[in-house]
């Protein structure tokens, strides 16, 4: 694993040698966020040794290096999921690479299903905690002490100082944000009615198929994390409803302007 990361790093530095300080992982339907970046270099995932390749609509599949909010950043336009058939090592490989490249903060976004009955489609939710018992832990297997401890503490996976900073930003911009717990599942099926009820009973506010593996890996490496969900569908409805991926992408697109405004300001203040 370390050798693979080193090989990927050597390739990237061979074509782009600036050090990014902020890394961004863009979720489903949020790819146009990259339009806010003054781009220096784009590297398709397929060109980077050992990098997986995105297979899902809404994930373009490239690393974008540039400047945003006065900071050198790198954005992952496209991420990887268990349901694509990737291993935990492959899903989290890019986070290992970004941290080794030098990022000091990781920002993560996703499209999620609303479980909290007060949430509506289009809401933005600051993730304050997560529940990961319904999907594999990415740290299972051999631990590399060079990267982090065997048993990393997860009492604050999402840094409180970044959460508070975002709440102030949202208030100043008069943008409503929610706060809550993200529950990860493997997918690719959307949840049954009974599963939505179970997730709510467990304490979840939204549910999704990503984010947590990357966050656990970042925490393992001592990387501060901020994460935000775009609520793109509501799981528990009284009427008969069918959730589609197209619905998710459309809802993310409509919420994206608010998301962009908040994240751009957060980057400028980090």
Protein backbone atom coordinates (compact mmCIF):
# COMPACT_ATOMS: atom_id res chain seq x y z
CA UNK A 1 0.00 0.00 0.00
CA UNK A 2 2.76 2.45 0.92
CA UNK A 3 4.66 1.59 -2.25
CA UNK A 4 1.51 2.17 -4.33
CA UNK A 5 0.91 5.56 -2.72
CA UNK A 6 4.55 6.51 -3.31
CA UNK A 7 4.27 5.57 -6.97
CA UNK A 8 1.11 7.67 -7.35
CA UNK A 9 2.74 10.62 -5.58
CA UNK A 10 5.82 10.43 -7.79
CA UNK A 11 3.65 10.49 -10.92
CA UNK A 12 1.58 13.46 -9.73
CA UNK A 13 4.62 15.47 -8.69
CA UNK A 14 6.13 14.76 -12.08
CA UNK A 15 3.33 16.70 -13.78
CA UNK A 16 2.37 19.16 -11.02
CA UNK A 17 4.72 20.18 -8.21
CA UNK A 18 2.71 22.75 -6.21
CA UNK A 19 1.65 21.70 -2.69
CA UNK A 20 -2.13 21.84 -2.09
CA UNK A 21 -3.21 22.75 1.44
CA UNK A 22 -6.91 21.85 1.15
CA UNK A 23 -8.40 18.72 -0.36
CA UNK A 24 -12.04 18.52 -1.50
CA UNK A 25 -14.03 15.38 -2.27
CA UNK A 26 -17.06 16.19 -4.43
CA UNK A 27 -20.18 14.04 -4.18
CA UNK A 28 -22.83 13.06 -6.70
CA UNK A 29 -24.12 15.97 -8.76
CA UNK A 30 -21.68 18.49 -7.27
CA UNK A 31 -19.07 18.32 -10.00
CA UNK A 32 -19.69 21.82 -11.34
CA UNK A 33 -18.17 23.15 -8.11
CA UNK A 34 -14.90 22.88 -10.00
CA UNK A 35 -15.95 25.93 -12.04
CA UNK A 36 -15.08 28.01 -8.97
CA UNK A 37 -11.45 26.85 -9.12
CA UNK A 38 -8.70 28.70 -10.97
CA UNK A 39 -7.34 25.52 -12.49
CA UNK A 40 -3.62 24.84 -12.80
CA UNK A 41 -3.72 21.18 -13.77
CA UNK A 42 -6.23 18.37 -14.32
CA UNK A 43 -5.12 14.75 -14.05
CA UNK A 44 -7.52 11.96 -15.06
CA UNK A 45 -7.68 9.18 -12.49
CA UNK A 46 -6.78 6.68 -15.17
CA UNK A 47 -3.36 8.34 -15.63
CA UNK A 48 -2.38 7.97 -11.96
CA UNK A 49 -0.80 4.65 -10.96
CA UNK A 50 -3.11 2.47 -8.83
CA UNK A 51 -5.92 5.06 -8.78
CA UNK A 52 -9.43 3.61 -9.22
CA UNK A 53 -11.68 5.05 -11.93
CA UNK A 54 -15.15 6.46 -11.25
CA UNK A 55 -17.96 4.43 -12.82
CA UNK A 56 -21.02 6.36 -11.58
CA UNK A 57 -22.93 9.12 -13.37
CA UNK A 58 -22.25 12.45 -11.68
CA UNK A 59 -18.59 11.59 -10.95
CA UNK A 60 -16.27 12.80 -13.73
CA UNK A 61 -13.08 11.12 -12.49
CA UNK A 62 -10.11 13.48 -12.24
CA UNK A 63 -7.90 15.34 -9.78
CA UNK A 64 -8.13 19.09 -10.24
CA UNK A 65 -5.32 21.26 -8.89
CA UNK A 66 -5.60 25.01 -8.64
CA UNK A 67 -6.49 27.94 -6.43
CA UNK A 68 -9.67 28.83 -4.58
CA UNK A 69 -10.20 31.39 -1.85
CA UNK A 70 -6.53 32.28 -1.93
CA UNK A 71 -5.49 28.69 -1.18
CA UNK A 72 -3.82 26.02 -3.26
CA UNK A 73 -6.30 23.17 -3.40
CA UNK A 74 -6.88 19.77 -4.97
CA UNK A 75 -10.39 18.58 -5.76
CA UNK A 76 -11.50 15.02 -6.38
CA UNK A 77 -14.13 15.34 -9.10
CA UNK A 78 -15.54 11.88 -8.54
CA UNK A 79 -15.16 9.36 -5.72
CA UNK A 80 -15.41 5.61 -5.24
CA UNK A 81 -17.92 3.39 -3.48
CA UNK A 82 -18.25 -0.14 -2.14
CA UNK A 83 -21.17 -0.77 -4.48
CA UNK A 84 -18.91 -0.29 -7.51
CA UNK A 85 -17.03 -3.37 -6.39
CA UNK A 86 -14.03 -1.52 -5.02
CA UNK A 87 -12.23 -2.65 -1.89
CA UNK A 88 -11.83 -0.45 1.17
CA UNK A 89 -8.18 0.01 0.20
CA UNK A 90 -9.14 1.29 -3.25
CA UNK A 91 -11.90 3.58 -1.94
CA UNK A 92 -9.57 5.28 0.51
CA UNK A 93 -6.40 5.21 -1.60
CA UNK A 94 -6.96 8.79 -2.85
CA UNK A 95 -7.15 10.13 0.72
CA UNK A 96 -3.79 8.54 1.50
CA UNK A 97 -2.42 10.20 -1.63
CA UNK A 98 -3.87 13.65 -0.86
CA UNK A 99 -2.52 13.62 2.70
CA UNK A 100 0.92 12.56 1.47
CA UNK A 101 0.82 15.35 -1.12
CA UNK A 102 0.58 17.77 1.81
CA UNK A 103 -3.05 18.76 2.34
CA UNK A 104 -3.75 20.05 5.84
CA UNK A 105 -7.58 19.98 5.77
CA UNK A 106 -10.07 17.69 4.03
CA UNK A 107 -13.53 18.87 2.95
CA UNK A 108 -16.01 16.16 1.98
CA UNK A 109 -19.42 16.47 0.35
CA UNK A 110 -22.12 14.01 -0.59
CA UNK A 111 -25.68 13.59 -1.77
CA UNK A 112 -27.73 11.92 0.98
CA UNK A 113 -31.23 10.72 1.68
CA UNK A 114 -33.13 12.56 4.37
CA UNK A 115 -34.29 10.43 7.30
CA UNK A 116 -35.01 13.14 9.85
CA UNK A 117 -38.71 13.98 9.25
CA UNK A 118 -37.95 17.71 9.54
CA UNK A 119 -35.54 17.65 6.59
CA UNK A 120 -36.54 18.63 3.07
CA UNK A 121 -35.06 18.08 -0.36
CA UNK A 122 -32.42 20.75 -1.00
CA UNK A 123 -31.37 21.14 2.64
CA UNK A 124 -27.68 21.39 3.43
CA UNK A 125 -26.58 19.44 6.51
CA UNK A 126 -23.31 19.85 8.37
CA UNK A 127 -22.23 16.37 9.42
CA UNK A 128 -21.47 16.43 13.14
CA UNK A 129 -21.00 12.66 13.55
CA UNK A 130 -21.57 9.40 11.74
CA UNK A 131 -22.62 5.79 12.25
CA UNK A 132 -20.53 3.28 10.31
CA UNK A 133 -21.75 -0.06 11.64
CA UNK A 134 -23.66 -0.87 8.44
CA UNK A 135 -20.59 -0.87 6.15
CA UNK A 136 -17.03 -2.30 6.37
CA UNK A 137 -14.38 -0.35 8.25
CA UNK A 138 -11.58 0.71 5.86
CA UNK A 139 -8.90 0.13 8.51
CA UNK A 140 -9.50 -3.62 8.69
CA UNK A 141 -6.25 -5.41 7.84
CA UNK A 142 -2.60 -4.59 8.38
CA UNK A 143 -1.98 -1.23 10.05
CA UNK A 144 0.83 1.01 8.87
CA UNK A 145 2.13 2.94 11.88
CA UNK A 146 3.72 5.45 9.51
CA UNK A 147 0.18 6.62 8.75
CA UNK A 148 -1.61 6.25 12.06
CA UNK A 149 -2.36 4.15 15.14
CA UNK A 150 -3.94 0.70 15.15
CA UNK A 151 -6.92 1.99 17.14
CA UNK A 152 -7.60 5.62 16.18
CA UNK A 153 -9.92 7.67 18.38
CA UNK A 154 -13.16 8.66 16.63
CA UNK A 155 -14.70 10.90 19.28
CA UNK A 156 -14.40 13.95 16.98
CA UNK A 157 -14.22 12.77 13.36
CA UNK A 158 -15.59 16.12 12.13
CA UNK A 159 -13.63 18.97 13.68
CA UNK A 160 -15.71 21.21 15.92
CA UNK A 161 -13.75 24.34 15.04
CA UNK A 162 -14.55 23.84 11.34
CA UNK A 163 -18.21 23.17 12.15
CA UNK A 164 -18.44 26.36 14.20
CA UNK A 165 -16.70 28.34 11.47
CA UNK A 166 -19.21 27.09 8.90
CA UNK A 167 -22.18 27.92 11.15
CA UNK A 168 -20.95 31.50 11.42
CA UNK A 169 -20.46 31.71 7.65
CA UNK A 170 -23.95 30.35 6.98
CA UNK A 171 -25.48 32.81 9.44
CA UNK A 172 -23.68 35.76 7.88
CA UNK A 173 -24.83 34.71 4.41
CA UNK A 174 -28.37 33.97 5.63
CA UNK A 175 -28.17 30.41 4.31
CA UNK A 176 -30.04 27.81 6.33
CA UNK A 177 -28.00 24.79 7.30
CA UNK A 178 -28.96 21.71 9.25
CA UNK A 179 -26.74 19.67 11.56
CA UNK A 180 -26.90 15.95 12.06
CA UNK A 181 -25.63 12.39 11.91
CA UNK A 182 -24.75 10.65 8.65
CA UNK A 183 -25.33 6.89 8.42
CA UNK A 184 -23.35 5.00 5.79
CA UNK A 185 -24.60 1.89 3.98
CA UNK A 186 -22.97 0.02 1.13
CA UNK A 187 -25.74 0.47 -1.45
CA UNK A 188 -26.40 0.38 -4.34
CA UNK A 189 -30.06 -0.11 -3.43
CA UNK A 190 -31.95 2.76 -1.89
CA UNK A 191 -33.33 1.78 1.50
CA UNK A 192 -36.57 -0.03 2.17
CA UNK A 193 -39.20 1.68 4.30
CA UNK A 194 -38.25 -0.53 7.24
CA UNK A 195 -34.56 0.33 6.80
CA UNK A 196 -35.30 4.07 6.82
CA UNK A 197 -37.20 3.60 10.08
CA UNK A 198 -34.30 1.60 11.54
CA UNK A 199 -31.78 4.30 10.58
CA UNK A 200 -33.96 6.95 12.20
CA UNK A 201 -34.24 4.81 15.35
CA UNK A 202 -30.44 4.44 15.43
CA UNK A 203 -30.07 8.22 15.54
CA UNK A 204 -29.39 8.98 11.90
CA UNK A 205 -30.54 12.16 10.18
CA UNK A 206 -29.41 11.27 6.66
CA UNK A 207 -28.19 8.12 4.94
CA UNK A 208 -25.71 7.66 2.12
CA UNK A 209 -23.26 5.33 0.41
CA UNK A 210 -19.97 7.23 0.76
CA UNK A 211 -17.96 9.67 2.90
CA UNK A 212 -17.39 7.59 6.05
CA UNK A 213 -14.56 5.41 4.64
CA UNK A 214 -12.71 8.55 3.53
CA UNK A 215 -13.30 10.28 6.86
CA UNK A 216 -12.09 7.31 8.91
CA UNK A 217 -8.96 7.16 6.78
CA UNK A 218 -8.35 10.90 7.15
CA UNK A 219 -8.77 10.71 10.93
CA UNK A 220 -6.36 7.75 10.99
CA UNK A 221 -3.76 10.01 9.34
CA UNK A 222 -4.43 12.98 11.64
CA UNK A 223 -6.17 15.04 8.95
CA UNK A 224 -8.87 17.54 10.09
CA UNK A 225 -12.21 16.96 8.33
CA UNK A 226 -15.31 19.00 7.56
CA UNK A 227 -18.22 17.34 5.75
CA UNK A 228 -21.57 18.47 4.38
CA UNK A 229 -24.52 16.57 2.91
CA UNK A 230 -26.97 17.82 0.32
CA UNK A 231 -30.35 16.26 1.07
CA UNK A 232 -31.40 15.05 -2.38
CA UNK A 233 -34.38 12.86 -1.47
CA UNK A 234 -36.56 12.12 1.53
CA UNK A 235 -36.79 8.50 2.53
CA UNK A 236 -39.76 8.35 4.85
CA UNK A 237 -42.87 9.62 3.08
CA UNK A 238 -46.48 8.81 3.70
CA UNK A 239 -47.35 8.53 0.03
CA UNK A 240 -46.03 5.84 -2.29
CA UNK A 241 -42.72 7.08 -3.58
CA UNK A 242 -39.89 5.78 -5.73
CA UNK A 243 -36.41 7.29 -5.45
CA UNK A 244 -34.21 7.41 -8.56
CA UNK A 245 -30.58 8.39 -9.13
CA UNK A 246 -31.77 11.00 -11.65
CA UNK A 247 -33.83 12.63 -8.88
CA UNK A 248 -30.75 12.69 -6.65
CA UNK A 249 -28.56 14.34 -9.29
CA UNK A 250 -31.18 16.97 -10.09
CA UNK A 251 -31.68 17.89 -6.43
CA UNK A 252 -27.92 18.19 -5.92
CA UNK A 253 -27.65 20.46 -8.94
CA UNK A 254 -30.37 22.76 -7.61
CA UNK A 255 -28.75 23.01 -4.16
CA UNK A 256 -25.25 23.49 -5.53
CA UNK A 257 -25.16 27.33 -5.62
CA UNK A 258 -25.63 27.52 -1.83
CA UNK A 259 -23.13 24.73 -1.32
CA UNK A 260 -20.56 26.51 -3.49
CA UNK A 261 -20.97 29.80 -1.64
CA UNK A 262 -20.49 28.21 1.76
CA UNK A 263 -17.55 25.98 0.87
CA UNK A 264 -15.70 28.72 -1.02
CA UNK A 265 -15.96 31.01 2.01
CA UNK A 266 -14.86 28.24 4.37
CA UNK A 267 -11.75 27.60 2.28
CA UNK A 268 -10.86 31.28 2.33
CA UNK A 269 -11.06 31.28 6.14
CA UNK A 270 -9.10 28.08 6.81
